[in-house]
């Protein structure tokens, strides 16, 4: 019981992170998305994403050289474009 109390906040954050990653995994990317217009992406990320054209954020995350920061930029871009 003491362990649960001690680590409750950490466990909640981990659960939220896992849920968010699961949501991101299937988030669709438009086939005609202009990656150069996505704020924060490196030139390398823009080149790889433009060449490979992943269909989802999950696919994008499995591309060599695409960092968690790049995925976060894509996620933010997608959320803003839907709003």
PDB file of N, CA and C in Angstrom:
ATOM      1  N   UNK A   1       0.826  -1.195   0.000  1.00  0.00           N
ATOM      2  CA  UNK A   1       0.000   0.000   0.000  1.00  0.00           C
ATOM      3  C   UNK A   1       0.870   1.258   0.000  1.00  0.00           C
ATOM      4  N   UNK A   2       1.943   1.232   0.805  1.00  0.00           N
ATOM      5  CA  UNK A   2       2.819   2.401   0.867  1.00  0.00           C
ATOM      6  C   UNK A   2       3.489   2.657  -0.482  1.00  0.00           C
ATOM      7  N   UNK A   3       3.846   1.588  -1.158  1.00  0.00           N
ATOM      8  CA  UNK A   3       4.471   1.722  -2.474  1.00  0.00           C
ATOM      9  C   UNK A   3       3.508   2.361  -3.460  1.00  0.00           C
ATOM     10  N   UNK A   4       2.257   1.957  -3.428  1.00  0.00           N
ATOM     11  CA  UNK A   4       1.264   2.533  -4.330  1.00  0.00           C
ATOM     12  C   UNK A   4       1.100   4.017  -4.082  1.00  0.00           C
ATOM     13  N   UNK A   5       1.086   4.423  -2.841  1.00  0.00           N
ATOM     14  CA  UNK A   5       0.946   5.838  -2.502  1.00  0.00           C
ATOM     15  C   UNK A   5       2.176   6.602  -2.962  1.00  0.00           C
ATOM     16  N   UNK A   6       3.342   6.035  -2.707  1.00  0.00           N
ATOM     17  CA  UNK A   6       4.595   6.707  -3.042  1.00  0.00           C
ATOM     18  C   UNK A   6       4.734   6.933  -4.550  1.00  0.00           C
ATOM     19  N   UNK A   7       4.327   5.954  -5.332  1.00  0.00           N
ATOM     20  CA  UNK A   7       4.531   6.024  -6.772  1.00  0.00           C
ATOM     21  C   UNK A   7       3.264   6.337  -7.565  1.00  0.00           C
ATOM     22  N   UNK A   8       2.194   6.706  -6.908  1.00  0.00           N
ATOM     23  CA  UNK A   8       0.914   6.935  -7.585  1.00  0.00           C
ATOM     24  C   UNK A   8       1.026   7.990  -8.680  1.00  0.00           C
ATOM     25  N   UNK A   9       1.653   9.110  -8.397  1.00  0.00           N
ATOM     26  CA  UNK A   9       1.787  10.167  -9.404  1.00  0.00           C
ATOM     27  C   UNK A   9       2.582   9.708 -10.603  1.00  0.00           C
ATOM     28  N   UNK A  10       3.670   9.003 -10.352  1.00  0.00           N
ATOM     29  CA  UNK A  10       4.504   8.484 -11.430  1.00  0.00           C
ATOM     30  C   UNK A  10       3.718   7.496 -12.286  1.00  0.00           C
ATOM     31  N   UNK A  11       2.991   6.593 -11.647  1.00  0.00           N
ATOM     32  CA  UNK A  11       2.216   5.595 -12.375  1.00  0.00           C
ATOM     33  C   UNK A  11       1.119   6.239 -13.213  1.00  0.00           C
ATOM     34  N   UNK A  12       0.490   7.288 -12.691  1.00  0.00           N
ATOM     35  CA  UNK A  12      -0.539   8.000 -13.456  1.00  0.00           C
ATOM     36  C   UNK A  12       0.065   8.636 -14.701  1.00  0.00           C
ATOM     37  N   UNK A  13       1.227   9.285 -14.540  1.00  0.00           N
ATOM     38  CA  UNK A  13       1.886   9.915 -15.694  1.00  0.00           C
ATOM     39  C   UNK A  13       2.270   8.872 -16.737  1.00  0.00           C
ATOM     40  N   UNK A  14       2.761   7.725 -16.289  1.00  0.00           N
ATOM     41  CA  UNK A  14       3.132   6.660 -17.214  1.00  0.00           C
ATOM     42  C   UNK A  14       1.906   6.144 -17.967  1.00  0.00           C
ATOM     43  N   UNK A  15       0.792   5.990 -17.275  1.00  0.00           N
ATOM     44  CA  UNK A  15      -0.435   5.523 -17.916  1.00  0.00           C
ATOM     45  C   UNK A  15      -0.921   6.533 -18.947  1.00  0.00           C
ATOM     46  N   UNK A  16      -0.850   7.818 -18.602  1.00  0.00           N
ATOM     47  CA  UNK A  16      -1.255   8.863 -19.545  1.00  0.00           C
ATOM     48  C   UNK A  16      -0.343   8.872 -20.764  1.00  0.00           C
ATOM     49  N   UNK A  17       0.951   8.719 -20.550  1.00  0.00           N
ATOM     50  CA  UNK A  17       1.903   8.688 -21.649  1.00  0.00           C
ATOM     51  C   UNK A  17       1.642   7.495 -22.565  1.00  0.00           C
ATOM     52  N   UNK A  18       1.382   6.334 -21.990  1.00  0.00           N
ATOM     53  CA  UNK A  18       1.098   5.139 -22.781  1.00  0.00           C
ATOM     54  C   UNK A  18      -0.172   5.324 -23.603  1.00  0.00           C
ATOM     55  N   UNK A  19      -1.182   5.932 -23.007  1.00  0.00           N
ATOM     56  CA  UNK A  19      -2.438   6.181 -23.721  1.00  0.00           C
ATOM     57  C   UNK A  19      -2.224   7.157 -24.872  1.00  0.00           C
ATOM     58  N   UNK A  20      -1.456   8.195 -24.613  1.00  0.00           N
ATOM     59  CA  UNK A  20      -1.188   9.194 -25.651  1.00  0.00           C
ATOM     60  C   UNK A  20      -0.389   8.582 -26.802  1.00  0.00           C
ATOM     61  N   UNK A  21       0.580   7.733 -26.479  1.00  0.00           N
ATOM     62  CA  UNK A  21       1.364   7.081 -27.517  1.00  0.00           C
ATOM     63  C   UNK A  21       0.492   6.146 -28.344  1.00  0.00           C
ATOM     64  N   UNK A  22      -0.437   5.470 -27.714  1.00  0.00           N
ATOM     65  CA  UNK A  22      -1.351   4.593 -28.446  1.00  0.00           C
ATOM     66  C   UNK A  22      -2.227   5.411 -29.392  1.00  0.00           C
ATOM     67  N   UNK A  23      -2.678   6.583 -28.942  1.00  0.00           N
ATOM     68  CA  UNK A  23      -3.472   7.463 -29.802  1.00  0.00           C
ATOM     69  C   UNK A  23      -2.645   7.948 -30.982  1.00  0.00           C
ATOM     70  N   UNK A  24      -1.387   8.305 -30.713  1.00  0.00           N
ATOM     71  CA  UNK A  24      -0.512   8.809 -31.767  1.00  0.00           C
ATOM     72  C   UNK A  24      -0.193   7.726 -32.791  1.00  0.00           C
ATOM     73  N   UNK A  25      -0.085   6.494 -32.347  1.00  0.00           N
ATOM     74  CA  UNK A  25       0.295   5.386 -33.224  1.00  0.00           C
ATOM     75  C   UNK A  25      -0.589   5.326 -34.470  1.00  0.00           C
ATOM     76  N   UNK A  26      -1.884   5.484 -34.300  1.00  0.00           N
ATOM     77  CA  UNK A  26      -2.802   5.368 -35.419  1.00  0.00           C
ATOM     78  C   UNK A  26      -3.227   6.683 -36.032  1.00  0.00           C
ATOM     79  N   UNK A  27      -2.675   7.787 -35.565  1.00  0.00           N
ATOM     80  CA  UNK A  27      -3.070   9.097 -36.094  1.00  0.00           C
ATOM     81  C   UNK A  27      -2.675   9.199 -37.566  1.00  0.00           C
ATOM     82  N   UNK A  28      -3.641   9.427 -38.446  1.00  0.00           N
ATOM     83  CA  UNK A  28      -3.333   9.451 -39.880  1.00  0.00           C
ATOM     84  C   UNK A  28      -2.590  10.713 -40.298  1.00  0.00           C
ATOM     85  N   UNK A  29      -1.695  10.540 -41.261  1.00  0.00           N
ATOM     86  CA  UNK A  29      -0.988  11.662 -41.878  1.00  0.00           C
ATOM     87  C   UNK A  29      -1.510  11.811 -43.298  1.00  0.00           C
ATOM     88  N   UNK A  30      -1.799  13.023 -43.691  1.00  0.00           N
ATOM     89  CA  UNK A  30      -2.307  13.287 -45.031  1.00  0.00           C
ATOM     90  C   UNK A  30      -1.243  12.929 -46.067  1.00  0.00           C
ATOM     91  N   UNK A  31      -1.630  12.264 -47.146  1.00  0.00           N
ATOM     92  CA  UNK A  31      -0.657  11.910 -48.182  1.00  0.00           C
ATOM     93  C   UNK A  31      -0.002  13.131 -48.835  1.00  0.00           C
ATOM     94  N   UNK A  32      -0.673  14.265 -48.780  1.00  0.00           N
ATOM     95  CA  UNK A  32      -0.116  15.466 -49.416  1.00  0.00           C
ATOM     96  C   UNK A  32       0.403  16.478 -48.390  1.00  0.00           C
ATOM     97  N   UNK A  33       0.684  16.022 -47.166  1.00  0.00           N
ATOM     98  CA  UNK A  33       1.192  16.904 -46.116  1.00  0.00           C
ATOM     99  C   UNK A  33       2.535  17.498 -46.533  1.00  0.00           C
ATOM    100  N   UNK A  34       2.660  18.818 -46.416  1.00  0.00           N
ATOM    101  CA  UNK A  34       3.911  19.518 -46.713  1.00  0.00           C
ATOM    102  C   UNK A  34       4.749  19.527 -45.442  1.00  0.00           C
ATOM    103  N   UNK A  35       5.671  18.593 -45.340  1.00  0.00           N
ATOM    104  CA  UNK A  35       6.477  18.461 -44.126  1.00  0.00           C
ATOM    105  C   UNK A  35       7.367  19.672 -43.896  1.00  0.00           C
ATOM    106  N   UNK A  36       7.723  20.378 -44.951  1.00  0.00           N
ATOM    107  CA  UNK A  36       8.542  21.584 -44.803  1.00  0.00           C
ATOM    108  C   UNK A  36       7.780  22.670 -44.048  1.00  0.00           C
ATOM    109  N   UNK A  37       6.456  22.596 -44.047  1.00  0.00           N
ATOM    110  CA  UNK A  37       5.636  23.599 -43.364  1.00  0.00           C
ATOM    111  C   UNK A  37       5.401  23.259 -41.891  1.00  0.00           C
ATOM    112  N   UNK A  38       5.878  22.103 -41.449  1.00  0.00           N
ATOM    113  CA  UNK A  38       5.700  21.694 -40.053  1.00  0.00           C
ATOM    114  C   UNK A  38       6.809  22.327 -39.221  1.00  0.00           C
ATOM    115  N   UNK A  39       6.428  23.202 -38.317  1.00  0.00           N
ATOM    116  CA  UNK A  39       7.399  23.922 -37.488  1.00  0.00           C
ATOM    117  C   UNK A  39       8.194  22.957 -36.620  1.00  0.00           C
ATOM    118  N   UNK A  40       9.497  23.157 -36.576  1.00  0.00           N
ATOM    119  CA  UNK A  40      10.352  22.397 -35.679  1.00  0.00           C
ATOM    120  C   UNK A  40      11.002  21.162 -36.258  1.00  0.00           C
ATOM    121  N   UNK A  41      10.617  20.756 -37.466  1.00  0.00           N
ATOM    122  CA  UNK A  41      11.232  19.569 -38.057  1.00  0.00           C
ATOM    123  C   UNK A  41      12.615  19.909 -38.610  1.00  0.00           C
ATOM    124  N   UNK A  42      13.553  19.002 -38.414  1.00  0.00           N
ATOM    125  CA  UNK A  42      14.885  19.194 -38.983  1.00  0.00           C
ATOM    126  C   UNK A  42      14.838  18.936 -40.485  1.00  0.00           C
ATOM    127  N   UNK A  43      15.861  19.394 -41.162  1.00  0.00           N
ATOM    128  CA  UNK A  43      15.940  19.171 -42.613  1.00  0.00           C
ATOM    129  C   UNK A  43      15.948  17.670 -42.907  1.00  0.00           C
ATOM    130  N   UNK A  44      16.685  16.912 -42.092  1.00  0.00           N
ATOM    131  CA  UNK A  44      16.747  15.461 -42.277  1.00  0.00           C
ATOM    132  C   UNK A  44      15.355  14.837 -42.142  1.00  0.00           C
ATOM    133  N   UNK A  45      14.601  15.249 -41.137  1.00  0.00           N
ATOM    134  CA  UNK A  45      13.257  14.705 -40.928  1.00  0.00           C
ATOM    135  C   UNK A  45      12.346  15.062 -42.095  1.00  0.00           C
ATOM    136  N   UNK A  46      12.417  16.306 -42.555  1.00  0.00           N
ATOM    137  CA  UNK A  46      11.589  16.735 -43.690  1.00  0.00           C
ATOM    138  C   UNK A  46      11.906  15.889 -44.916  1.00  0.00           C
ATOM    139  N   UNK A  47      13.192  15.679 -45.189  1.00  0.00           N
ATOM    140  CA  UNK A  47      13.593  14.896 -46.363  1.00  0.00           C
ATOM    141  C   UNK A  47      13.101  13.456 -46.271  1.00  0.00           C
ATOM    142  N   UNK A  48      13.300  12.825 -45.121  1.00  0.00           N
ATOM    143  CA  UNK A  48      12.892  11.427 -44.967  1.00  0.00           C
ATOM    144  C   UNK A  48      11.377  11.267 -45.023  1.00  0.00           C
ATOM    145  N   UNK A  49      10.660  12.133 -44.337  1.00  0.00           N
ATOM    146  CA  UNK A  49       9.202  12.039 -44.335  1.00  0.00           C
ATOM    147  C   UNK A  49       8.631  12.328 -45.719  1.00  0.00           C
ATOM    148  N   UNK A  50       9.208  13.289 -46.423  1.00  0.00           N
ATOM    149  CA  UNK A  50       8.734  13.626 -47.768  1.00  0.00           C
ATOM    150  C   UNK A  50       8.994  12.480 -48.738  1.00  0.00           C
ATOM    151  N   UNK A  51      10.108  11.798 -48.565  1.00  0.00           N
ATOM    152  CA  UNK A  51      10.470  10.700 -49.463  1.00  0.00           C
ATOM    153  C   UNK A  51       9.652   9.441 -49.163  1.00  0.00           C
ATOM    154  N   UNK A  52       9.466   9.121 -47.886  1.00  0.00           N
ATOM    155  CA  UNK A  52       8.820   7.863 -47.510  1.00  0.00           C
ATOM    156  C   UNK A  52       7.303   7.965 -47.348  1.00  0.00           C
ATOM    157  N   UNK A  53       6.788   9.150 -47.075  1.00  0.00           N
ATOM    158  CA  UNK A  53       5.343   9.401 -46.963  1.00  0.00           C
ATOM    159  C   UNK A  53       4.613   8.394 -46.073  1.00  0.00           C
ATOM    160  N   UNK A  54       4.933   8.366 -44.767  1.00  0.00           N
ATOM    161  CA  UNK A  54       4.228   7.441 -43.864  1.00  0.00           C
ATOM    162  C   UNK A  54       2.743   7.786 -43.792  1.00  0.00           C
ATOM    163  N   UNK A  55       1.929   6.763 -43.559  1.00  0.00           N
ATOM    164  CA  UNK A  55       0.479   6.957 -43.499  1.00  0.00           C
ATOM    165  C   UNK A  55      -0.008   7.333 -42.104  1.00  0.00           C
ATOM    166  N   UNK A  56       0.785   6.986 -41.073  1.00  0.00           N
ATOM    167  CA  UNK A  56       0.403   7.289 -39.691  1.00  0.00           C
ATOM    168  C   UNK A  56       1.613   7.805 -38.918  1.00  0.00           C
ATOM    169  N   UNK A  57       1.346   8.399 -37.757  1.00  0.00           N
ATOM    170  CA  UNK A  57       2.443   8.831 -36.888  1.00  0.00           C
ATOM    171  C   UNK A  57       3.255   7.627 -36.416  1.00  0.00           C
ATOM    172  N   UNK A  58       2.599   6.507 -36.222  1.00  0.00           N
ATOM    173  CA  UNK A  58       3.306   5.292 -35.811  1.00  0.00           C
ATOM    174  C   UNK A  58       4.328   4.866 -36.845  1.00  0.00           C
ATOM    175  N   UNK A  59       3.936   4.897 -38.116  1.00  0.00           N
ATOM    176  CA  UNK A  59       4.875   4.567 -39.187  1.00  0.00           C
ATOM    177  C   UNK A  59       6.013   5.578 -39.223  1.00  0.00           C
ATOM    178  N   UNK A  60       5.691   6.844 -39.041  1.00  0.00           N
ATOM    179  CA  UNK A  60       6.722   7.885 -39.040  1.00  0.00           C
ATOM    180  C   UNK A  60       7.728   7.636 -37.927  1.00  0.00           C
ATOM    181  N   UNK A  61       7.255   7.193 -36.783  1.00  0.00           N
ATOM    182  CA  UNK A  61       8.130   6.953 -35.648  1.00  0.00           C
ATOM    183  C   UNK A  61       9.079   5.792 -35.837  1.00  0.00           C
ATOM    184  N   UNK A  62       8.771   4.914 -36.763  1.00  0.00           N
ATOM    185  CA  UNK A  62       9.640   3.771 -37.021  1.00  0.00           C
ATOM    186  C   UNK A  62      10.673   4.044 -38.110  1.00  0.00           C
ATOM    187  N   UNK A  63      10.669   5.256 -38.652  1.00  0.00           N
ATOM    188  CA  UNK A  63      11.660   5.633 -39.659  1.00  0.00           C
ATOM    189  C   UNK A  63      12.952   6.029 -38.948  1.00  0.00           C
ATOM    190  N   UNK A  64      14.048   5.464 -39.391  1.00  0.00           N
ATOM    191  CA  UNK A  64      15.352   5.793 -38.815  1.00  0.00           C
ATOM    192  C   UNK A  64      15.617   7.288 -38.957  1.00  0.00           C
ATOM    193  N   UNK A  65      16.013   7.921 -37.861  1.00  0.00           N
ATOM    194  CA  UNK A  65      16.323   9.346 -37.894  1.00  0.00           C
ATOM    195  C   UNK A  65      15.167  10.247 -37.506  1.00  0.00           C
ATOM    196  N   UNK A  66      13.976   9.688 -37.370  1.00  0.00           N
ATOM    197  CA  UNK A  66      12.825  10.476 -36.926  1.00  0.00           C
ATOM    198  C   UNK A  66      12.779  10.373 -35.402  1.00  0.00           C
ATOM    199  N   UNK A  67      13.016  11.491 -34.758  1.00  0.00           N
ATOM    200  CA  UNK A  67      13.150  11.535 -33.301  1.00  0.00           C
ATOM    201  C   UNK A  67      11.795  11.716 -32.611  1.00  0.00           C
ATOM    202  N   UNK A  68      11.743  11.452 -31.315  1.00  0.00           N
ATOM    203  CA  UNK A  68      10.525  11.751 -30.562  1.00  0.00           C
ATOM    204  C   UNK A  68      10.140  13.228 -30.668  1.00  0.00           C
ATOM    205  N   UNK A  69      11.126  14.104 -30.758  1.00  0.00           N
ATOM    206  CA  UNK A  69      10.831  15.534 -30.910  1.00  0.00           C
ATOM    207  C   UNK A  69      10.141  15.800 -32.246  1.00  0.00           C
ATOM    208  N   UNK A  70      10.573  15.125 -33.301  1.00  0.00           N
ATOM    209  CA  UNK A  70       9.940  15.286 -34.612  1.00  0.00           C
ATOM    210  C   UNK A  70       8.499  14.783 -34.572  1.00  0.00           C
ATOM    211  N   UNK A  71       8.287  13.667 -33.881  1.00  0.00           N
ATOM    212  CA  UNK A  71       6.922  13.141 -33.749  1.00  0.00           C
ATOM    213  C   UNK A  71       6.039  14.110 -32.980  1.00  0.00           C
ATOM    214  N   UNK A  72       6.601  14.735 -31.960  1.00  0.00           N
ATOM    215  CA  UNK A  72       5.837  15.726 -31.194  1.00  0.00           C
ATOM    216  C   UNK A  72       5.467  16.905 -32.084  1.00  0.00           C
ATOM    217  N   UNK A  73       6.387  17.350 -32.932  1.00  0.00           N
ATOM    218  CA  UNK A  73       6.095  18.451 -33.861  1.00  0.00           C
ATOM    219  C   UNK A  73       4.967  18.065 -34.814  1.00  0.00           C
ATOM    220  N   UNK A  74       5.027  16.849 -35.337  1.00  0.00           N
ATOM    221  CA  UNK A  74       3.966  16.375 -36.230  1.00  0.00           C
ATOM    222  C   UNK A  74       2.630  16.295 -35.500  1.00  0.00           C
ATOM    223  N   UNK A  75       2.655  15.789 -34.276  1.00  0.00           N
ATOM    224  CA  UNK A  75       1.434  15.669 -33.480  1.00  0.00           C
ATOM    225  C   UNK A  75       0.814  17.042 -33.240  1.00  0.00           C
ATOM    226  N   UNK A  76       1.623  18.002 -32.869  1.00  0.00           N
ATOM    227  CA  UNK A  76       1.132  19.368 -32.638  1.00  0.00           C
ATOM    228  C   UNK A  76       0.563  19.943 -33.927  1.00  0.00           C
ATOM    229  N   UNK A  77       1.260  19.733 -35.037  1.00  0.00           N
ATOM    230  CA  UNK A  77       0.790  20.240 -36.332  1.00  0.00           C
ATOM    231  C   UNK A  77      -0.578  19.635 -36.683  1.00  0.00           C
ATOM    232  N   UNK A  78      -0.713  18.333 -36.458  1.00  0.00           N
ATOM    233  CA  UNK A  78      -1.986  17.664 -36.758  1.00  0.00           C
ATOM    234  C   UNK A  78      -3.115  18.190 -35.880  1.00  0.00           C
ATOM    235  N   UNK A  79      -2.833  18.358 -34.594  1.00  0.00           N
ATOM    236  CA  UNK A  79      -3.864  18.856 -33.677  1.00  0.00           C
ATOM    237  C   UNK A  79      -4.300  20.270 -34.058  1.00  0.00           C
ATOM    238  N   UNK A  80      -3.348  21.114 -34.425  1.00  0.00           N
ATOM    239  CA  UNK A  80      -3.684  22.491 -34.814  1.00  0.00           C
ATOM    240  C   UNK A  80      -4.461  22.529 -36.120  1.00  0.00           C
ATOM    241  N   UNK A  81      -4.129  21.653 -37.047  1.00  0.00           N
ATOM    242  CA  UNK A  81      -4.818  21.670 -38.336  1.00  0.00           C
ATOM    243  C   UNK A  81      -6.245  21.142 -38.216  1.00  0.00           C
ATOM    244  N   UNK A  82      -6.501  20.289 -37.206  1.00  0.00           N
ATOM    245  CA  UNK A  82      -7.864  19.778 -36.980  1.00  0.00           C
ATOM    246  C   UNK A  82      -8.743  20.790 -36.268  1.00  0.00           C
ATOM    247  N   UNK A  83      -8.124  21.676 -35.509  1.00  0.00           N
ATOM    248  CA  UNK A  83      -8.890  22.633 -34.687  1.00  0.00           C
ATOM    249  C   UNK A  83      -9.495  23.743 -35.511  1.00  0.00           C
TER     250      UNK A  83
END
